[in-house]
Amino acid sequence: MNTILTSDRLLVVRNGDAEKWLELLKEALIADGVIPYLGPGLLRLQSTEPPVPHTPEAVSAALNTRTPAPSRIRSNMWSVAQFIEQRRHRRTLQTWMAEIFGAPVAPTALHDWLATLPLSLIVDGWYDGTMRAAFAKTARTDVVEIQGVARANSVGDIWTKSYDLSGRNVEPAPVARTVLYTPHGSVRPAANFLVSDSDYVEVLTEIDIQTPIPEVVKQRRRDRGFLFIGCRFDDQMLRIFARQIIKRSSGPHFAVLDAENLTKNERRFLAASSITVIDLPMDEAAALLAPSGIEAESGAGPNSGGRRACL
């Protein structure tokens, strides 16, 4: 059977059905009918050993090489970052995170293809800045990135900062054809990182009422669903952010994942959020969406109004 509803109410599509859904999702991306939500797993499309960490555990390990954290928290990125912030100062944590994510990461064919599309919104859920790099390779001037920022480093009551592709601060964010939203921050252009427990205290207090999420994101998600690719949901913080970012969007939602390797928490989250699992290897799914060297279809360039595809 190619489509199953599991005993825990998780909808999984496989084999031929999975490929058919990806074709529909490709059409929806071209027509600006679905929002890509990119995760750190995409870093492995270029290399099994990416130049920057691609999991919270790998970030923890990199931070521990700089100053060892207590064993009880050593594998928890958020707690290790908090330990460093308390013992060595916030500036040290920010400097080390910038070093850890400093190596440039070449965009994949999928990133490059997405950068040519007239998408209203893209969410990038990691710190590496690869989607931004893909946009920088284009001649586009209609892209603005909105990054989550640590309030400890900010003056005033702000949750985000906005940048154009040259790195210039353009707050408040102007009207842009494409908004790149990086809710946890990014290494470029200004090394903004939400990473320590204290960074999230106020964010998590307010996020249920959506205060930290930019208004433009709320507006552009309203009549769309999300496609998660390169994402895992085995970390509570990543689940919380994904749940709140897709909140009050119309759906439907999809995630490219290996269904057999999902944790119980992931399965519970996906089912509760009505996210359909497309059970394909990520490299196969990326190739189906954007084969190497394939450009966006005629009429779907960055200045095109596009057409809304229905899912």
Protein backbone atom coordinates (compact mmCIF):
# COMPACT_ATOMS: atom_id res chain seq x y z
CA MET A 1 0.00 0.00 0.00
CA ASN A 2 1.41 3.39 -1.00
CA THR A 3 -0.63 5.54 1.40
CA ILE A 4 -1.36 4.48 4.97
CA LEU A 5 -2.90 5.99 8.08
CA THR A 6 -0.92 4.48 10.94
CA SER A 7 -2.36 3.43 14.29
CA ASP A 8 -1.11 6.71 15.81
CA ARG A 9 -3.05 8.71 13.17
CA LEU A 10 0.01 9.65 11.12
CA LEU A 11 -0.58 9.79 7.37
CA VAL A 12 2.36 8.38 5.39
CA VAL A 13 2.68 8.29 1.57
CA ARG A 14 5.25 6.02 -0.06
CA ASN A 15 6.65 4.91 -3.40
CA GLY A 16 4.58 6.05 -6.37
CA ASP A 17 2.19 8.13 -4.26
CA ALA A 18 5.12 9.94 -2.68
CA GLU A 19 6.51 10.82 -6.10
CA LYS A 20 3.09 12.02 -7.28
CA TRP A 21 2.75 14.27 -4.26
CA LEU A 22 6.19 15.72 -4.85
CA GLU A 23 5.22 16.57 -8.42
CA LEU A 24 2.16 18.40 -7.08
CA LEU A 25 4.28 20.15 -4.49
CA LYS A 26 6.76 21.21 -7.15
CA GLU A 27 3.91 22.83 -9.08
CA ALA A 28 2.73 24.49 -5.87
CA LEU A 29 6.21 25.87 -5.16
CA ILE A 30 6.43 27.33 -8.66
CA ALA A 31 3.00 28.91 -8.16
CA ASP A 32 3.80 30.24 -4.67
CA GLY A 33 1.15 27.97 -3.18
CA VAL A 34 3.26 26.31 -0.49
CA ILE A 35 6.00 27.55 1.85
CA PRO A 36 9.34 25.69 2.00
CA TYR A 37 10.59 25.12 5.56
CA LEU A 38 14.24 24.12 5.29
CA GLY A 39 16.22 22.25 7.92
CA PRO A 40 19.87 21.40 8.59
CA GLY A 41 19.53 17.96 7.02
CA LEU A 42 19.89 19.62 3.64
CA LEU A 43 23.55 20.18 4.46
CA ARG A 44 24.08 16.45 3.93
CA LEU A 45 23.02 16.65 0.29
CA GLN A 46 26.46 17.99 -0.57
CA SER A 47 28.52 15.91 1.82
CA THR A 48 28.09 13.24 4.48
CA GLU A 49 30.37 15.43 6.61
CA PRO A 50 29.17 19.02 6.10
CA PRO A 51 31.59 21.87 6.87
CA VAL A 52 29.30 23.09 9.67
CA PRO A 53 27.23 21.17 12.25
CA HIS A 54 23.89 19.86 11.00
CA THR A 55 22.31 18.74 14.29
CA PRO A 56 21.94 20.31 17.74
CA GLU A 57 24.11 17.49 19.11
CA ALA A 58 26.89 18.40 16.67
CA VAL A 59 26.73 22.03 17.81
CA SER A 60 26.98 20.82 21.42
CA ALA A 61 30.07 18.79 20.55
CA ALA A 62 31.70 21.78 18.83
CA LEU A 63 31.02 24.03 21.82
CA ASN A 64 32.35 21.38 24.21
CA THR A 65 35.69 21.38 22.42
CA ARG A 66 36.04 25.02 23.42
CA THR A 67 34.97 24.64 27.02
CA PRO A 68 33.68 21.35 28.46
CA ALA A 69 30.19 21.48 29.94
CA PRO A 70 28.99 19.23 32.79
CA SER A 71 28.20 15.71 31.63
CA ARG A 72 24.50 15.95 32.51
CA ILE A 73 23.95 18.69 29.88
CA ARG A 74 26.79 17.95 27.46
CA SER A 75 24.58 16.79 24.58
CA ASN A 76 21.95 19.53 24.94
CA MET A 77 22.88 22.46 22.69
CA TRP A 78 20.67 25.00 24.44
CA SER A 79 21.99 24.11 27.90
CA VAL A 80 25.63 23.98 26.81
CA ALA A 81 25.23 27.43 25.25
CA GLN A 82 23.69 28.69 28.49
CA PHE A 83 26.61 27.26 30.49
CA ILE A 84 29.08 29.12 28.27
CA GLU A 85 27.09 32.34 28.43
CA GLN A 86 27.05 32.25 32.23
CA ARG A 87 30.70 31.25 32.66
CA ARG A 88 32.39 33.03 29.74
CA HIS A 89 30.03 35.90 28.77
CA ARG A 90 27.53 36.26 25.95
CA ARG A 91 30.14 37.75 23.62
CA THR A 92 32.25 34.59 23.90
CA LEU A 93 29.27 32.41 23.01
CA GLN A 94 28.47 34.55 19.99
CA THR A 95 32.10 34.52 18.82
CA TRP A 96 32.33 30.73 19.12
CA MET A 97 29.03 30.19 17.29
CA ALA A 98 30.28 32.46 14.50
CA GLU A 99 33.47 30.37 14.29
CA ILE A 100 31.56 27.08 14.30
CA PHE A 101 29.30 28.23 11.45
CA GLY A 102 31.89 30.37 9.71
CA ALA A 103 32.79 27.95 6.91
CA PRO A 104 30.87 28.78 3.72
CA VAL A 105 28.39 26.13 2.64
CA ALA A 106 27.72 25.78 -1.08
CA PRO A 107 23.99 25.90 -1.90
CA THR A 108 22.52 22.71 -3.30
CA ALA A 109 20.57 22.52 -6.56
CA LEU A 110 17.42 22.72 -4.45
CA HIS A 111 18.53 25.97 -2.77
CA ASP A 112 19.52 27.44 -6.13
CA TRP A 113 16.18 26.46 -7.68
CA LEU A 114 14.15 27.88 -4.80
CA ALA A 115 16.08 31.15 -5.13
CA THR A 116 14.69 31.61 -8.65
CA LEU A 117 11.05 31.18 -7.65
CA PRO A 118 8.57 33.96 -6.85
CA LEU A 119 7.96 32.60 -3.36
CA SER A 120 6.34 34.90 -0.83
CA LEU A 121 8.02 33.21 2.11
CA ILE A 122 10.78 30.70 2.87
CA VAL A 123 11.62 29.55 6.39
CA ASP A 124 15.20 28.46 7.11
CA GLY A 125 15.42 26.71 10.46
CA TRP A 126 19.21 26.59 10.93
CA TYR A 127 22.17 28.92 11.38
CA ASP A 128 24.29 28.19 8.27
CA GLY A 129 22.95 30.85 5.88
CA THR A 130 22.89 28.53 2.85
CA MET A 131 19.54 29.78 1.52
CA ARG A 132 20.78 33.34 1.83
CA ALA A 133 23.89 32.37 -0.15
CA ALA A 134 21.68 30.95 -2.90
CA PHE A 135 19.77 34.21 -3.13
CA ALA A 136 23.04 36.13 -3.23
CA LYS A 137 24.03 34.25 -6.40
CA THR A 138 21.01 35.68 -8.22
CA ALA A 139 20.51 39.21 -9.43
CA ARG A 140 17.42 39.61 -7.28
CA THR A 141 16.85 42.81 -5.34
CA ASP A 142 13.42 41.90 -3.98
CA VAL A 143 14.48 39.60 -1.12
CA VAL A 144 14.59 40.55 2.57
CA GLU A 145 15.79 38.27 5.35
CA ILE A 146 14.18 38.54 8.78
CA GLN A 147 16.27 36.96 11.54
CA GLY A 148 15.40 36.12 15.11
CA VAL A 149 17.72 37.94 17.51
CA ALA A 150 18.73 37.47 21.13
CA ARG A 151 17.16 40.24 23.15
CA ALA A 152 20.26 40.35 25.37
CA ASN A 153 22.07 41.94 22.41
CA SER A 154 19.26 44.26 21.37
CA VAL A 155 18.23 47.75 22.30
CA GLY A 156 14.49 48.17 22.69
CA ASP A 157 11.58 45.77 22.52
CA ILE A 158 12.47 43.84 19.37
CA TRP A 159 12.39 40.18 18.39
CA THR A 160 13.90 40.31 14.89
CA LYS A 161 16.17 42.28 12.57
CA SER A 162 15.86 42.57 8.80
CA TYR A 163 18.59 42.62 6.16
CA ASP A 164 18.83 42.92 2.42
CA LEU A 165 21.13 40.61 0.49
CA SER A 166 24.03 43.03 0.75
CA GLY A 167 23.86 42.72 4.53
CA ARG A 168 22.44 46.18 5.10
CA ASN A 169 20.03 46.50 8.01
CA VAL A 170 16.68 47.52 6.54
CA GLU A 171 14.46 47.57 9.59
CA PRO A 172 11.57 47.83 9.53
CA ALA A 173 11.36 45.18 6.81
CA PRO A 174 10.12 46.75 3.57
CA VAL A 175 7.67 45.17 1.19
CA ALA A 176 9.57 42.37 -0.55
CA ARG A 177 8.63 39.79 -3.12
CA THR A 178 10.32 37.07 -1.03
CA VAL A 179 10.83 37.05 2.72
CA LEU A 180 13.47 34.66 4.04
CA TYR A 181 12.62 34.04 7.68
CA THR A 182 15.35 32.57 9.90
CA PRO A 183 13.67 32.32 13.31
CA HIS A 184 16.75 31.07 15.20
CA GLY A 185 19.07 33.64 13.61
CA SER A 186 21.95 33.08 11.21
CA VAL A 187 25.71 33.41 11.01
CA ARG A 188 25.41 35.97 8.20
CA PRO A 189 25.44 38.90 7.91
CA ALA A 190 25.64 39.82 11.62
CA ALA A 191 26.07 36.58 13.65
CA ASN A 192 22.65 36.66 15.27
CA PHE A 193 22.02 33.50 17.26
CA LEU A 194 19.13 32.33 19.39
CA VAL A 195 20.89 29.40 21.02
CA SER A 196 21.06 29.53 24.84
CA ASP A 197 18.24 28.71 27.22
CA SER A 198 18.05 32.35 28.29
CA ASP A 199 17.66 33.43 24.65
CA TYR A 200 14.40 31.49 24.54
CA VAL A 201 12.92 32.40 27.92
CA GLU A 202 11.02 35.45 26.69
CA VAL A 203 10.46 34.00 23.23
CA LEU A 204 8.76 30.89 24.60
CA THR A 205 6.72 33.00 27.00
CA GLU A 206 5.32 35.02 24.10
CA ILE A 207 5.37 32.63 21.17
CA ASP A 208 2.05 30.98 21.96
CA ILE A 209 0.37 34.33 21.32
CA GLN A 210 2.62 34.77 18.28
CA THR A 211 4.28 38.02 19.40
CA PRO A 212 7.85 37.09 18.30
CA ILE A 213 6.70 36.03 14.81
CA PRO A 214 6.87 38.92 12.28
CA GLU A 215 3.58 40.26 10.98
CA VAL A 216 4.62 39.67 7.37
CA VAL A 217 5.16 35.98 8.16
CA LYS A 218 1.71 35.76 9.74
CA GLN A 219 0.16 37.38 6.68
CA ARG A 220 1.95 35.29 4.07
CA ARG A 221 1.35 31.93 5.75
CA ARG A 222 -2.39 32.52 6.11
CA ASP A 223 -3.55 30.92 2.87
CA ARG A 224 -0.72 28.44 2.40
CA GLY A 225 0.65 25.21 3.81
CA PHE A 226 4.24 24.22 4.53
CA LEU A 227 6.67 21.72 3.03
CA PHE A 228 9.35 20.61 5.51
CA ILE A 229 12.52 19.26 3.95
CA GLY A 230 15.78 18.56 5.77
CA CYS A 231 13.97 18.90 9.12
CA ARG A 232 13.79 16.55 12.07
CA PHE A 233 11.49 17.06 15.04
CA ASP A 234 13.32 15.02 17.66
CA ASP A 235 14.22 18.16 19.63
CA GLN A 236 11.56 19.90 21.69
CA MET A 237 12.70 23.42 20.81
CA LEU A 238 12.54 22.70 17.09
CA ARG A 239 9.08 21.20 17.50
CA ILE A 240 7.84 24.25 19.41
CA PHE A 241 9.07 26.65 16.75
CA ALA A 242 7.71 24.61 13.86
CA ARG A 243 4.32 24.30 15.57
CA GLN A 244 4.07 28.04 16.18
CA ILE A 245 5.30 29.06 12.73
CA ILE A 246 2.69 26.93 10.96
CA LYS A 247 -0.01 27.98 13.42
CA ARG A 248 -3.04 29.64 11.78
CA SER A 249 -1.86 28.72 8.30
CA SER A 250 -4.39 27.05 6.05
CA GLY A 251 -2.41 23.90 5.21
CA PRO A 252 -2.06 21.22 4.06
CA HIS A 253 1.41 20.46 5.39
CA PHE A 254 3.99 17.89 4.26
CA ALA A 255 7.38 16.68 5.48
CA VAL A 256 9.99 14.63 3.64
CA LEU A 257 11.14 12.08 6.21
CA ASP A 258 12.19 8.47 6.66
CA ALA A 259 9.04 7.17 8.37
CA GLU A 260 10.78 4.10 9.80
CA ASN A 261 13.26 6.16 11.82
CA LEU A 262 10.85 8.62 13.42
CA THR A 263 10.86 8.86 17.21
CA LYS A 264 7.65 8.61 19.21
CA ASN A 265 7.77 12.35 19.88
CA GLU A 266 8.19 13.07 16.17
CA ARG A 267 5.28 10.85 15.24
CA ARG A 268 3.09 12.45 17.89
CA PHE A 269 4.02 15.95 16.71
CA LEU A 270 3.46 15.18 13.02
CA ALA A 271 0.10 13.56 13.64
CA ALA A 272 -1.10 16.34 15.96
CA SER A 273 0.00 18.97 13.44
CA SER A 274 -1.67 17.17 10.50
CA ILE A 275 1.64 16.94 8.65
CA THR A 276 1.66 14.24 5.97
CA VAL A 277 4.93 12.31 5.79
CA ILE A 278 6.40 11.82 2.32
CA ASP A 279 8.47 8.72 2.92
CA LEU A 280 11.41 9.16 0.56
CA PRO A 281 15.15 9.66 1.06
CA MET A 282 15.90 13.35 1.16
CA ASP A 283 18.30 13.23 -1.80
CA GLU A 284 15.65 11.56 -3.98
CA ALA A 285 13.03 14.09 -2.95
CA ALA A 286 15.38 17.02 -3.61
CA ALA A 287 16.24 15.63 -7.05
CA LEU A 288 12.55 15.22 -7.91
CA LEU A 289 11.82 18.78 -6.88
CA ALA A 290 14.86 20.38 -8.49
CA PRO A 291 17.00 18.15 -10.74
CA SER A 292 20.52 19.52 -11.12
CA GLY A 293 20.69 22.21 -13.79
CA ILE A 294 16.91 22.61 -14.08
CA GLU A 295 15.66 26.18 -13.81
CA ALA A 296 12.22 27.35 -12.79
CA GLU A 297 9.62 26.86 -15.49
CA SER A 298 8.94 29.63 -17.96
CA GLY A 299 6.79 32.35 -16.46
CA ALA A 300 7.77 31.51 -12.89
CA GLY A 301 10.74 33.85 -12.50
CA PRO A 302 11.28 36.15 -9.52
CA ASN A 303 9.24 38.97 -11.02
CA SER A 304 6.32 36.81 -12.03
CA GLY A 305 3.10 36.98 -10.10
CA GLY A 306 2.86 33.21 -10.48
CA ARG A 307 -0.30 31.20 -10.15
CA ARG A 308 -1.73 29.54 -7.09
CA ALA A 309 -1.63 25.75 -7.23
CA CYS A 310 -4.17 23.80 -5.24
CA LEU A 311 -3.16 20.79 -3.15
